[in-house]
Amino acid sequence: MKLQDGSGERSSIWIFGYGSLVWKPDFKYKRSKIGYIKGYKRRFWHGDDFYRGDKEKPGRVVTLVEDDEVGVAYEVADSHVEESLQYLNMRETVMGGYVTEMVEFIPREKGQAKLLALVYIATSDNPIYLGPAPATEIAAQIAMCRGNVGHNMEYLVRLAEFMRLYCPEVEDDHLFSIEAAALALVFTPYLIFSFDI
């Protein structure tokens, strides 16, 4: 699969990441651009019973629902397209239940052309789609879940860290309220314990 990149060249594919792909793409790419896509927003509404949770306690990871969203687009060179898509299809589609869509990506940097990017989105049709819940409930679930690649808290904290570092102008109340609630849950026992000594 090859896509135009705005300059008319057809030698690569752009892949848009908005969850763990922003801090851990795990595939070879030529370059990356921070920017956003219109029509979607990130929400912790998807279950993960492999990477960040298990069958008994699914973790929560992000998907996109309608609104605008910030993330990173990665340009994958022609020589790595097949390998990258095989990896992402296993990770996102087979293991995660996501579907693919083509979206228009708008780079944050002024003067950059819009481009088409492939994005993976979990829909409510997915059997492990968890849907909306209060931030405190999502935080409690994230705080107690661990999967094959690590704790669900790592996913949450690294995503929030990326947004603060690379997109400080973006106010993501959903992400930051879940992070605050989860951190309060995780660190409260330690604080209580340290004061009891």
N, C-alpha and C. Protein backbone atom coordinates (compact mmCIF):
# COMPACT_ATOMS: atom_id res chain seq x y z
N MET A 1 0.85 -1.19 0.00
CA MET A 1 0.00 0.00 0.00
C MET A 1 0.88 1.24 0.00
N LYS A 2 0.68 2.12 -0.95
CA LYS A 2 1.46 3.36 -1.05
C LYS A 2 0.50 4.54 -1.11
N LEU A 3 0.87 5.61 -0.47
CA LEU A 3 -0.01 6.78 -0.40
C LEU A 3 0.74 8.02 -0.83
N GLN A 4 0.01 8.99 -1.35
CA GLN A 4 0.63 10.26 -1.69
C GLN A 4 0.91 11.05 -0.43
N ASP A 5 2.03 11.77 -0.45
CA ASP A 5 2.43 12.51 0.74
C ASP A 5 2.23 14.02 0.62
N GLY A 6 1.48 14.48 -0.34
CA GLY A 6 1.26 15.92 -0.49
C GLY A 6 2.16 16.52 -1.54
N SER A 7 3.33 15.93 -1.79
CA SER A 7 4.24 16.43 -2.80
C SER A 7 4.04 15.70 -4.11
N GLY A 8 3.15 14.71 -4.14
CA GLY A 8 2.91 13.94 -5.35
C GLY A 8 3.73 12.66 -5.39
N GLU A 9 4.70 12.51 -4.50
CA GLU A 9 5.52 11.30 -4.46
C GLU A 9 4.71 10.14 -3.90
N ARG A 10 5.00 8.94 -4.41
CA ARG A 10 4.28 7.75 -3.97
C ARG A 10 5.28 6.68 -3.54
N SER A 11 6.25 7.05 -2.73
CA SER A 11 7.28 6.09 -2.35
C SER A 11 7.23 5.68 -0.89
N SER A 12 6.20 6.09 -0.19
CA SER A 12 6.14 5.77 1.24
C SER A 12 4.68 5.77 1.70
N ILE A 13 4.50 5.41 2.96
CA ILE A 13 3.18 5.45 3.60
C ILE A 13 3.33 6.21 4.91
N TRP A 14 2.32 6.97 5.25
CA TRP A 14 2.28 7.67 6.53
C TRP A 14 1.31 6.92 7.45
N ILE A 15 1.72 6.75 8.69
CA ILE A 15 0.89 6.07 9.69
C ILE A 15 0.71 7.02 10.86
N PHE A 16 -0.54 7.25 11.25
CA PHE A 16 -0.85 8.18 12.34
C PHE A 16 -0.97 7.42 13.65
N GLY A 17 -0.23 7.85 14.66
CA GLY A 17 -0.30 7.27 15.99
C GLY A 17 -0.84 8.27 16.98
N TYR A 18 -1.66 7.81 17.90
CA TYR A 18 -2.27 8.70 18.89
C TYR A 18 -2.26 8.09 20.29
N GLY A 19 -1.82 6.84 20.43
CA GLY A 19 -1.71 6.16 21.72
C GLY A 19 -0.26 5.80 21.97
N SER A 20 0.03 4.53 22.20
CA SER A 20 1.41 4.13 22.47
C SER A 20 2.33 4.35 21.28
N LEU A 21 1.78 4.44 20.08
CA LEU A 21 2.64 4.70 18.92
C LEU A 21 3.32 6.05 19.01
N VAL A 22 2.81 7.00 19.78
CA VAL A 22 3.46 8.31 19.86
C VAL A 22 4.78 8.21 20.62
N TRP A 23 4.91 7.27 21.54
CA TRP A 23 6.16 7.14 22.30
C TRP A 23 6.89 5.82 22.05
N LYS A 24 6.25 4.87 21.38
CA LYS A 24 6.89 3.58 21.13
C LYS A 24 6.36 2.98 19.83
N PRO A 25 6.80 3.52 18.68
CA PRO A 25 6.26 3.00 17.43
C PRO A 25 6.66 1.56 17.13
N ASP A 26 7.84 1.13 17.48
CA ASP A 26 8.31 -0.25 17.27
C ASP A 26 8.29 -0.70 15.82
N PHE A 27 8.41 0.22 14.88
CA PHE A 27 8.60 -0.14 13.49
C PHE A 27 9.55 0.89 12.89
N LYS A 28 10.18 0.54 11.79
CA LYS A 28 11.14 1.44 11.16
C LYS A 28 10.39 2.51 10.39
N TYR A 29 10.82 3.75 10.60
CA TYR A 29 10.21 4.85 9.86
C TYR A 29 11.28 5.84 9.44
N LYS A 30 10.99 6.58 8.40
CA LYS A 30 11.93 7.53 7.81
C LYS A 30 11.97 8.83 8.60
N ARG A 31 10.79 9.34 8.94
CA ARG A 31 10.69 10.59 9.71
C ARG A 31 9.31 10.65 10.36
N SER A 32 9.15 11.60 11.25
CA SER A 32 7.85 11.76 11.91
C SER A 32 7.49 13.23 11.98
N LYS A 33 6.18 13.48 12.07
CA LYS A 33 5.67 14.85 12.20
C LYS A 33 4.57 14.85 13.24
N ILE A 34 4.60 15.84 14.11
CA ILE A 34 3.53 16.02 15.08
C ILE A 34 2.45 16.87 14.43
N GLY A 35 1.22 16.48 14.64
CA GLY A 35 0.12 17.23 14.07
C GLY A 35 -1.19 16.63 14.52
N TYR A 36 -2.24 16.86 13.76
CA TYR A 36 -3.55 16.38 14.19
C TYR A 36 -4.38 15.95 13.00
N ILE A 37 -5.43 15.21 13.31
CA ILE A 37 -6.41 14.84 12.31
C ILE A 37 -7.74 15.42 12.76
N LYS A 38 -8.57 15.79 11.81
CA LYS A 38 -9.88 16.36 12.14
C LYS A 38 -10.91 15.26 12.18
N GLY A 39 -11.89 15.45 13.03
CA GLY A 39 -13.02 14.53 13.08
C GLY A 39 -12.94 13.48 14.16
N TYR A 40 -11.86 13.47 14.98
CA TYR A 40 -11.70 12.45 16.01
C TYR A 40 -11.14 13.04 17.29
N LYS A 41 -11.38 12.34 18.42
CA LYS A 41 -10.71 12.66 19.68
C LYS A 41 -10.34 11.35 20.36
N ARG A 42 -9.29 11.38 21.15
CA ARG A 42 -8.78 10.19 21.83
C ARG A 42 -9.58 9.93 23.11
N ARG A 43 -9.94 8.66 23.33
CA ARG A 43 -10.65 8.27 24.54
C ARG A 43 -10.17 6.90 25.02
N PHE A 44 -10.07 6.74 26.33
CA PHE A 44 -9.69 5.46 26.94
C PHE A 44 -10.92 4.55 27.02
N TRP A 45 -11.47 4.20 25.89
CA TRP A 45 -12.71 3.44 25.85
C TRP A 45 -12.52 2.03 25.30
N HIS A 46 -11.28 1.65 25.00
CA HIS A 46 -11.04 0.33 24.42
C HIS A 46 -10.34 -0.59 25.42
N GLY A 47 -10.77 -1.83 25.46
CA GLY A 47 -10.16 -2.82 26.33
C GLY A 47 -8.92 -3.42 25.69
N ASP A 48 -7.99 -3.85 26.52
CA ASP A 48 -6.78 -4.53 26.04
C ASP A 48 -6.55 -5.73 26.93
N ASP A 49 -6.71 -6.92 26.37
CA ASP A 49 -6.54 -8.13 27.17
C ASP A 49 -5.26 -8.89 26.82
N PHE A 50 -4.31 -8.19 26.23
CA PHE A 50 -3.02 -8.81 25.91
C PHE A 50 -1.84 -7.92 26.30
N TYR A 51 -1.74 -6.73 25.71
CA TYR A 51 -0.58 -5.87 25.93
C TYR A 51 -0.60 -5.17 27.28
N ARG A 52 -1.75 -4.64 27.69
CA ARG A 52 -1.84 -3.85 28.93
C ARG A 52 -2.84 -4.39 29.93
N GLY A 53 -3.29 -5.61 29.72
CA GLY A 53 -4.23 -6.26 30.62
C GLY A 53 -4.31 -7.73 30.26
N ASP A 54 -5.25 -8.43 30.85
CA ASP A 54 -5.44 -9.84 30.52
C ASP A 54 -6.93 -10.13 30.40
N LYS A 55 -7.27 -11.39 30.17
CA LYS A 55 -8.68 -11.76 29.95
C LYS A 55 -9.54 -11.46 31.18
N GLU A 56 -8.99 -11.66 32.38
CA GLU A 56 -9.75 -11.42 33.61
C GLU A 56 -9.82 -9.94 33.97
N LYS A 57 -8.73 -9.21 33.70
CA LYS A 57 -8.69 -7.78 34.00
C LYS A 57 -8.16 -7.04 32.78
N PRO A 58 -9.04 -6.74 31.82
CA PRO A 58 -8.56 -6.00 30.65
C PRO A 58 -8.12 -4.59 31.03
N GLY A 59 -6.99 -4.19 30.45
CA GLY A 59 -6.53 -2.82 30.65
C GLY A 59 -7.35 -1.89 29.76
N ARG A 60 -7.08 -0.60 29.86
CA ARG A 60 -7.76 0.38 29.00
C ARG A 60 -6.72 1.09 28.17
N VAL A 61 -6.98 1.15 26.87
CA VAL A 61 -6.12 1.87 25.95
C VAL A 61 -7.01 2.81 25.13
N VAL A 62 -6.38 3.67 24.36
CA VAL A 62 -7.16 4.67 23.65
C VAL A 62 -7.62 4.21 22.28
N THR A 63 -8.72 4.77 21.87
CA THR A 63 -9.23 4.68 20.51
C THR A 63 -9.66 6.08 20.13
N LEU A 64 -10.16 6.23 18.93
CA LEU A 64 -10.64 7.53 18.48
C LEU A 64 -12.14 7.53 18.33
N VAL A 65 -12.75 8.61 18.77
CA VAL A 65 -14.17 8.85 18.54
C VAL A 65 -14.26 10.21 17.84
N GLU A 66 -15.37 10.56 17.34
CA GLU A 66 -15.48 11.76 16.51
C GLU A 66 -15.10 13.04 17.25
N ASP A 67 -14.15 13.80 16.67
CA ASP A 67 -13.65 15.11 17.11
C ASP A 67 -12.25 15.28 16.52
N ASP A 68 -11.48 16.33 16.88
CA ASP A 68 -10.11 16.50 16.40
C ASP A 68 -9.13 15.86 17.37
N GLU A 69 -8.00 15.32 16.86
CA GLU A 69 -7.03 14.70 17.75
C GLU A 69 -5.60 14.96 17.30
N VAL A 70 -4.71 15.12 18.30
CA VAL A 70 -3.29 15.35 18.08
C VAL A 70 -2.55 14.03 18.21
N GLY A 71 -1.50 13.87 17.41
CA GLY A 71 -0.66 12.69 17.48
C GLY A 71 0.55 12.86 16.58
N VAL A 72 1.12 11.75 16.15
CA VAL A 72 2.32 11.75 15.33
C VAL A 72 2.06 10.95 14.08
N ALA A 73 2.50 11.48 12.94
CA ALA A 73 2.46 10.72 11.69
C ALA A 73 3.89 10.29 11.38
N TYR A 74 4.05 9.01 11.07
CA TYR A 74 5.34 8.44 10.74
C TYR A 74 5.38 8.11 9.26
N GLU A 75 6.43 8.55 8.58
CA GLU A 75 6.61 8.18 7.19
C GLU A 75 7.43 6.90 7.14
N VAL A 76 6.86 5.87 6.58
CA VAL A 76 7.55 4.59 6.45
C VAL A 76 8.00 4.46 5.00
N ALA A 77 9.30 4.31 4.80
CA ALA A 77 9.86 4.20 3.46
C ALA A 77 9.35 2.95 2.76
N ASP A 78 9.32 3.00 1.44
CA ASP A 78 8.82 1.90 0.62
C ASP A 78 9.43 0.55 1.01
N SER A 79 10.73 0.53 1.32
CA SER A 79 11.41 -0.73 1.66
C SER A 79 10.93 -1.34 2.97
N HIS A 80 10.25 -0.55 3.82
CA HIS A 80 9.78 -1.05 5.12
C HIS A 80 8.26 -1.10 5.24
N VAL A 81 7.54 -0.72 4.18
CA VAL A 81 6.08 -0.66 4.24
C VAL A 81 5.48 -2.02 4.57
N GLU A 82 5.85 -3.05 3.83
CA GLU A 82 5.25 -4.38 4.05
C GLU A 82 5.53 -4.89 5.47
N GLU A 83 6.78 -4.77 5.91
CA GLU A 83 7.17 -5.21 7.26
C GLU A 83 6.41 -4.43 8.34
N SER A 84 6.31 -3.11 8.18
CA SER A 84 5.63 -2.28 9.16
C SER A 84 4.14 -2.58 9.22
N LEU A 85 3.52 -2.74 8.06
CA LEU A 85 2.08 -3.05 8.04
C LEU A 85 1.79 -4.43 8.60
N GLN A 86 2.66 -5.40 8.36
CA GLN A 86 2.47 -6.74 8.96
C GLN A 86 2.52 -6.63 10.48
N TYR A 87 3.52 -5.90 10.99
CA TYR A 87 3.66 -5.71 12.43
C TYR A 87 2.42 -5.00 13.01
N LEU A 88 2.03 -3.89 12.40
CA LEU A 88 0.90 -3.11 12.91
C LEU A 88 -0.42 -3.86 12.77
N ASN A 89 -0.60 -4.58 11.70
CA ASN A 89 -1.84 -5.35 11.54
C ASN A 89 -1.96 -6.42 12.61
N MET A 90 -0.84 -7.06 12.96
CA MET A 90 -0.88 -8.06 14.05
C MET A 90 -1.16 -7.35 15.38
N ARG A 91 -0.42 -6.29 15.65
CA ARG A 91 -0.54 -5.58 16.93
C ARG A 91 -1.89 -4.91 17.09
N GLU A 92 -2.35 -4.20 16.07
CA GLU A 92 -3.54 -3.38 16.20
C GLU A 92 -4.82 -4.09 15.76
N THR A 93 -4.77 -4.84 14.67
CA THR A 93 -5.98 -5.45 14.13
C THR A 93 -6.25 -6.83 14.73
N VAL A 94 -5.27 -7.73 14.63
CA VAL A 94 -5.47 -9.10 15.13
C VAL A 94 -5.54 -9.12 16.66
N MET A 95 -4.56 -8.52 17.32
CA MET A 95 -4.50 -8.56 18.79
C MET A 95 -5.39 -7.49 19.43
N GLY A 96 -5.56 -6.35 18.77
CA GLY A 96 -6.28 -5.23 19.38
C GLY A 96 -7.69 -5.01 18.91
N GLY A 97 -8.05 -5.59 17.77
CA GLY A 97 -9.41 -5.43 17.28
C GLY A 97 -9.69 -4.10 16.61
N TYR A 98 -8.64 -3.39 16.22
CA TYR A 98 -8.82 -2.10 15.56
C TYR A 98 -9.09 -2.31 14.06
N VAL A 99 -9.74 -1.32 13.45
CA VAL A 99 -9.94 -1.30 12.00
C VAL A 99 -9.10 -0.15 11.45
N THR A 100 -8.85 -0.16 10.15
CA THR A 100 -8.03 0.89 9.57
C THR A 100 -8.90 1.88 8.80
N GLU A 101 -8.45 3.12 8.80
CA GLU A 101 -9.08 4.17 8.01
C GLU A 101 -7.98 5.06 7.47
N MET A 102 -8.27 5.73 6.38
CA MET A 102 -7.37 6.75 5.84
C MET A 102 -7.88 8.10 6.32
N VAL A 103 -6.97 8.91 6.84
CA VAL A 103 -7.34 10.22 7.36
C VAL A 103 -6.42 11.30 6.80
N GLU A 104 -6.90 12.52 6.83
CA GLU A 104 -6.07 13.65 6.43
C GLU A 104 -5.33 14.15 7.66
N PHE A 105 -4.01 14.13 7.60
CA PHE A 105 -3.16 14.57 8.71
C PHE A 105 -2.67 15.99 8.42
N ILE A 106 -2.77 16.85 9.43
CA ILE A 106 -2.36 18.25 9.29
C ILE A 106 -1.17 18.48 10.22
N PRO A 107 0.04 18.64 9.66
CA PRO A 107 1.22 18.87 10.51
C PRO A 107 1.08 20.15 11.32
N ARG A 108 1.60 20.10 12.53
CA ARG A 108 1.55 21.28 13.41
C ARG A 108 2.45 22.39 12.89
N GLU A 109 3.57 22.01 12.32
CA GLU A 109 4.53 22.98 11.80
C GLU A 109 3.92 23.76 10.63
N LYS A 110 3.99 25.06 10.69
CA LYS A 110 3.40 25.92 9.66
C LYS A 110 4.08 25.68 8.31
N GLY A 111 3.29 25.78 7.24
CA GLY A 111 3.84 25.66 5.90
C GLY A 111 3.98 24.23 5.40
N GLN A 112 3.65 23.25 6.22
CA GLN A 112 3.73 21.85 5.82
C GLN A 112 2.43 21.44 5.14
N ALA A 113 2.54 20.66 4.09
CA ALA A 113 1.36 20.21 3.37
C ALA A 113 0.61 19.13 4.15
N LYS A 114 -0.70 19.12 4.00
CA LYS A 114 -1.51 18.04 4.57
C LYS A 114 -1.13 16.75 3.85
N LEU A 115 -1.34 15.61 4.52
CA LEU A 115 -1.04 14.34 3.89
C LEU A 115 -2.03 13.29 4.32
N LEU A 116 -2.12 12.22 3.58
CA LEU A 116 -2.98 11.09 3.96
C LEU A 116 -2.20 10.15 4.85
N ALA A 117 -2.85 9.65 5.88
CA ALA A 117 -2.21 8.72 6.80
C ALA A 117 -3.16 7.59 7.15
N LEU A 118 -2.60 6.45 7.40
CA LEU A 118 -3.35 5.28 7.85
C LEU A 118 -3.49 5.37 9.36
N VAL A 119 -4.68 5.09 9.88
CA VAL A 119 -4.89 5.13 11.33
C VAL A 119 -5.69 3.90 11.74
N TYR A 120 -5.41 3.40 12.93
CA TYR A 120 -6.12 2.24 13.49
C TYR A 120 -7.09 2.74 14.54
N ILE A 121 -8.37 2.34 14.42
CA ILE A 121 -9.42 2.80 15.31
C ILE A 121 -10.23 1.62 15.81
N ALA A 122 -10.47 1.56 17.11
CA ALA A 122 -11.35 0.53 17.67
C ALA A 122 -12.76 1.07 17.70
N THR A 123 -13.69 0.32 17.19
CA THR A 123 -15.08 0.75 17.18
C THR A 123 -15.87 0.02 18.27
N SER A 124 -17.07 0.46 18.49
CA SER A 124 -17.92 -0.17 19.51
C SER A 124 -18.35 -1.58 19.10
N ASP A 125 -18.11 -1.96 17.86
CA ASP A 125 -18.42 -3.33 17.41
C ASP A 125 -17.43 -4.36 17.93
N ASN A 126 -16.28 -3.89 18.41
CA ASN A 126 -15.24 -4.78 18.90
C ASN A 126 -15.67 -5.43 20.21
N PRO A 127 -15.48 -6.75 20.36
CA PRO A 127 -15.92 -7.42 21.60
C PRO A 127 -15.22 -6.94 22.87
N ILE A 128 -14.02 -6.36 22.74
CA ILE A 128 -13.35 -5.86 23.96
C ILE A 128 -13.43 -4.34 24.08
N TYR A 129 -14.31 -3.73 23.32
CA TYR A 129 -14.56 -2.29 23.44
C TYR A 129 -15.28 -2.07 24.77
N LEU A 130 -14.76 -1.18 25.60
CA LEU A 130 -15.33 -0.97 26.94
C LEU A 130 -16.27 0.24 27.02
N GLY A 131 -16.09 1.20 26.15
CA GLY A 131 -16.97 2.36 26.14
C GLY A 131 -16.65 3.38 27.21
N PRO A 132 -17.46 4.45 27.27
CA PRO A 132 -17.20 5.53 28.22
C PRO A 132 -17.45 5.09 29.66
N ALA A 133 -16.75 5.77 30.56
CA ALA A 133 -16.90 5.57 32.00
C ALA A 133 -16.34 6.81 32.68
N PRO A 134 -16.69 7.04 33.94
CA PRO A 134 -16.11 8.18 34.66
C PRO A 134 -14.58 8.05 34.74
N ALA A 135 -13.90 9.18 34.79
CA ALA A 135 -12.43 9.19 34.85
C ALA A 135 -11.90 8.37 36.01
N THR A 136 -12.57 8.42 37.16
CA THR A 136 -12.09 7.67 38.33
C THR A 136 -12.20 6.16 38.11
N GLU A 137 -13.24 5.73 37.41
CA GLU A 137 -13.41 4.30 37.11
C GLU A 137 -12.36 3.82 36.11
N ILE A 138 -12.12 4.61 35.08
CA ILE A 138 -11.09 4.27 34.10
C ILE A 138 -9.72 4.23 34.79
N ALA A 139 -9.45 5.22 35.65
CA ALA A 139 -8.18 5.29 36.36
C ALA A 139 -7.97 4.06 37.25
N ALA A 140 -9.01 3.64 37.97
CA ALA A 140 -8.90 2.47 38.84
C ALA A 140 -8.59 1.22 38.03
N GLN A 141 -9.22 1.09 36.88
CA GLN A 141 -8.96 -0.06 36.02
C GLN A 141 -7.52 -0.03 35.50
N ILE A 142 -7.07 1.13 35.05
CA ILE A 142 -5.70 1.27 34.54
C ILE A 142 -4.69 0.98 35.64
N ALA A 143 -4.93 1.48 36.84
CA ALA A 143 -3.98 1.33 37.95
C ALA A 143 -3.75 -0.12 38.35
N MET A 144 -4.73 -1.00 38.10
CA MET A 144 -4.57 -2.40 38.55
C MET A 144 -4.25 -3.38 37.43
N CYS A 145 -4.11 -2.92 36.20
CA CYS A 145 -3.93 -3.86 35.08
C CYS A 145 -2.50 -3.90 34.56
N ARG A 146 -2.12 -5.11 34.18
CA ARG A 146 -0.81 -5.36 33.59
C ARG A 146 -1.00 -6.39 32.48
N GLY A 147 -0.24 -6.22 31.39
CA GLY A 147 -0.31 -7.15 30.27
C GLY A 147 1.06 -7.68 29.92
N ASN A 148 1.17 -8.27 28.76
CA ASN A 148 2.41 -8.91 28.33
C ASN A 148 3.55 -7.94 28.06
N VAL A 149 3.26 -6.68 27.77
CA VAL A 149 4.34 -5.72 27.52
C VAL A 149 4.53 -4.73 28.67
N GLY A 150 3.70 -4.81 29.69
CA GLY A 150 3.91 -3.93 30.82
C GLY A 150 2.62 -3.49 31.48
N HIS A 151 2.80 -2.63 32.46
CA HIS A 151 1.69 -2.13 33.26
C HIS A 151 0.88 -1.12 32.46
N ASN A 152 -0.41 -1.10 32.65
CA ASN A 152 -1.30 -0.16 31.98
C ASN A 152 -0.96 1.29 32.38
N MET A 153 -0.43 1.48 33.60
CA MET A 153 -0.03 2.82 34.06
C MET A 153 1.06 3.40 33.17
N GLU A 154 1.99 2.56 32.71
CA GLU A 154 3.05 3.05 31.84
C GLU A 154 2.45 3.67 30.58
N TYR A 155 1.49 2.98 30.00
CA TYR A 155 0.81 3.47 28.80
C TYR A 155 0.21 4.85 29.06
N LEU A 156 -0.52 4.97 30.15
CA LEU A 156 -1.18 6.23 30.51
C LEU A 156 -0.17 7.35 30.75
N VAL A 157 0.83 7.09 31.58
CA VAL A 157 1.79 8.12 31.97
C VAL A 157 2.64 8.56 30.78
N ARG A 158 3.06 7.62 29.95
CA ARG A 158 3.87 8.00 28.78
C ARG A 158 3.07 8.80 27.77
N LEU A 159 1.80 8.47 27.61
CA LEU A 159 0.96 9.24 26.69
C LEU A 159 0.77 10.67 27.21
N ALA A 160 0.52 10.82 28.50
CA ALA A 160 0.37 12.14 29.10
C ALA A 160 1.68 12.93 29.02
N GLU A 161 2.80 12.24 29.24
CA GLU A 161 4.12 12.87 29.15
C GLU A 161 4.38 13.39 27.73
N PHE A 162 4.05 12.58 26.74
CA PHE A 162 4.21 13.00 25.34
C PHE A 162 3.41 14.27 25.07
N MET A 163 2.16 14.29 25.50
CA MET A 163 1.31 15.44 25.24
C MET A 163 1.86 16.70 25.92
N ARG A 164 2.35 16.57 27.13
CA ARG A 164 2.90 17.74 27.84
C ARG A 164 4.17 18.24 27.16
N LEU A 165 5.01 17.32 26.71
CA LEU A 165 6.30 17.66 26.13
C LEU A 165 6.17 18.23 24.71
N TYR A 166 5.37 17.57 23.87
CA TYR A 166 5.33 17.92 22.46
C TYR A 166 4.10 18.73 22.05
N CYS A 167 3.08 18.74 22.85
CA CYS A 167 1.85 19.47 22.51
C CYS A 167 1.33 20.23 23.72
N PRO A 168 2.16 21.08 24.33
CA PRO A 168 1.75 21.74 25.58
C PRO A 168 0.54 22.67 25.41
N GLU A 169 0.26 23.07 24.18
CA GLU A 169 -0.87 23.96 23.93
C GLU A 169 -2.21 23.22 23.92
N VAL A 170 -2.17 21.90 23.87
CA VAL A 170 -3.39 21.10 23.78
C VAL A 170 -3.92 20.78 25.18
N GLU A 171 -5.17 21.10 25.42
CA GLU A 171 -5.80 20.77 26.70
C GLU A 171 -6.60 19.49 26.52
N ASP A 172 -6.08 18.41 27.07
CA ASP A 172 -6.74 17.10 26.95
C ASP A 172 -7.27 16.70 28.33
N ASP A 173 -8.41 17.25 28.69
CA ASP A 173 -8.99 17.01 30.01
C ASP A 173 -9.24 15.53 30.27
N HIS A 174 -9.67 14.80 29.26
CA HIS A 174 -9.93 13.36 29.41
C HIS A 174 -8.66 12.65 29.86
N LEU A 175 -7.59 12.83 29.12
CA LEU A 175 -6.31 12.18 29.43
C LEU A 175 -5.77 12.61 30.79
N PHE A 176 -5.71 13.92 31.03
CA PHE A 176 -5.07 14.40 32.25
C PHE A 176 -5.90 14.14 33.51
N SER A 177 -7.21 14.09 33.40
CA SER A 177 -8.02 13.76 34.59
C SER A 177 -7.87 12.29 34.95
N ILE A 178 -7.76 11.43 33.95
CA ILE A 178 -7.53 10.00 34.22
C ILE A 178 -6.14 9.81 34.81
N GLU A 179 -5.15 10.50 34.26
CA GLU A 179 -3.79 10.39 34.79
C GLU A 179 -3.75 10.82 36.26
N ALA A 180 -4.35 11.95 36.59
CA ALA A 180 -4.34 12.45 37.97
C ALA A 180 -5.02 11.47 38.92
N ALA A 181 -6.16 10.94 38.50
CA ALA A 181 -6.89 9.98 39.35
C ALA A 181 -6.09 8.69 39.52
N ALA A 182 -5.45 8.21 38.46
CA ALA A 182 -4.68 6.97 38.54
C ALA A 182 -3.44 7.16 39.41
N LEU A 183 -2.75 8.28 39.25
CA LEU A 183 -1.57 8.55 40.07
C LEU A 183 -1.94 8.66 41.54
N ALA A 184 -3.08 9.28 41.83
CA ALA A 184 -3.53 9.38 43.22
C ALA A 184 -3.78 7.99 43.81
N LEU A 185 -4.35 7.10 43.02
CA LEU A 185 -4.60 5.73 43.49
C LEU A 185 -3.31 4.97 43.73
N VAL A 186 -2.38 5.12 42.81
CA VAL A 186 -1.13 4.36 42.87
C VAL A 186 -0.24 4.84 44.00
N PHE A 187 -0.17 6.14 44.22
CA PHE A 187 0.77 6.66 45.20
C PHE A 187 0.18 6.87 46.59
N THR A 188 -1.12 6.86 46.75
CA THR A 188 -1.73 7.06 48.07
C THR A 188 -1.27 6.03 49.09
N PRO A 189 -1.26 4.72 48.80
CA PRO A 189 -0.82 3.76 49.81
C PRO A 189 0.61 4.01 50.27
N TYR A 190 1.49 4.42 49.37
CA TYR A 190 2.87 4.67 49.74
C TYR A 190 2.98 5.90 50.63
N LEU A 191 2.21 6.92 50.34
CA LEU A 191 2.24 8.12 51.17
C LEU A 191 1.72 7.82 52.57
N ILE A 192 0.64 7.08 52.66
CA ILE A 192 0.09 6.71 53.96
C ILE A 192 1.08 5.88 54.74
N PHE A 193 1.70 4.91 54.06
CA PHE A 193 2.67 4.04 54.71
C PHE A 193 3.85 4.83 55.24
N SER A 194 4.36 5.80 54.42
CA SER A 194 5.54 6.55 54.85
C SER A 194 5.24 7.44 56.06
N PHE A 195 3.99 7.91 56.19
CA PHE A 195 3.65 8.73 57.35
C PHE A 195 3.43 7.87 58.61
N ASP A 196 3.16 6.57 58.42
CA ASP A 196 2.96 5.71 59.56
C ASP A 196 4.25 5.24 60.22
N ILE A 197 5.36 5.44 59.56
CA ILE A 197 6.64 4.94 60.10
C ILE A 197 7.09 5.72 61.30
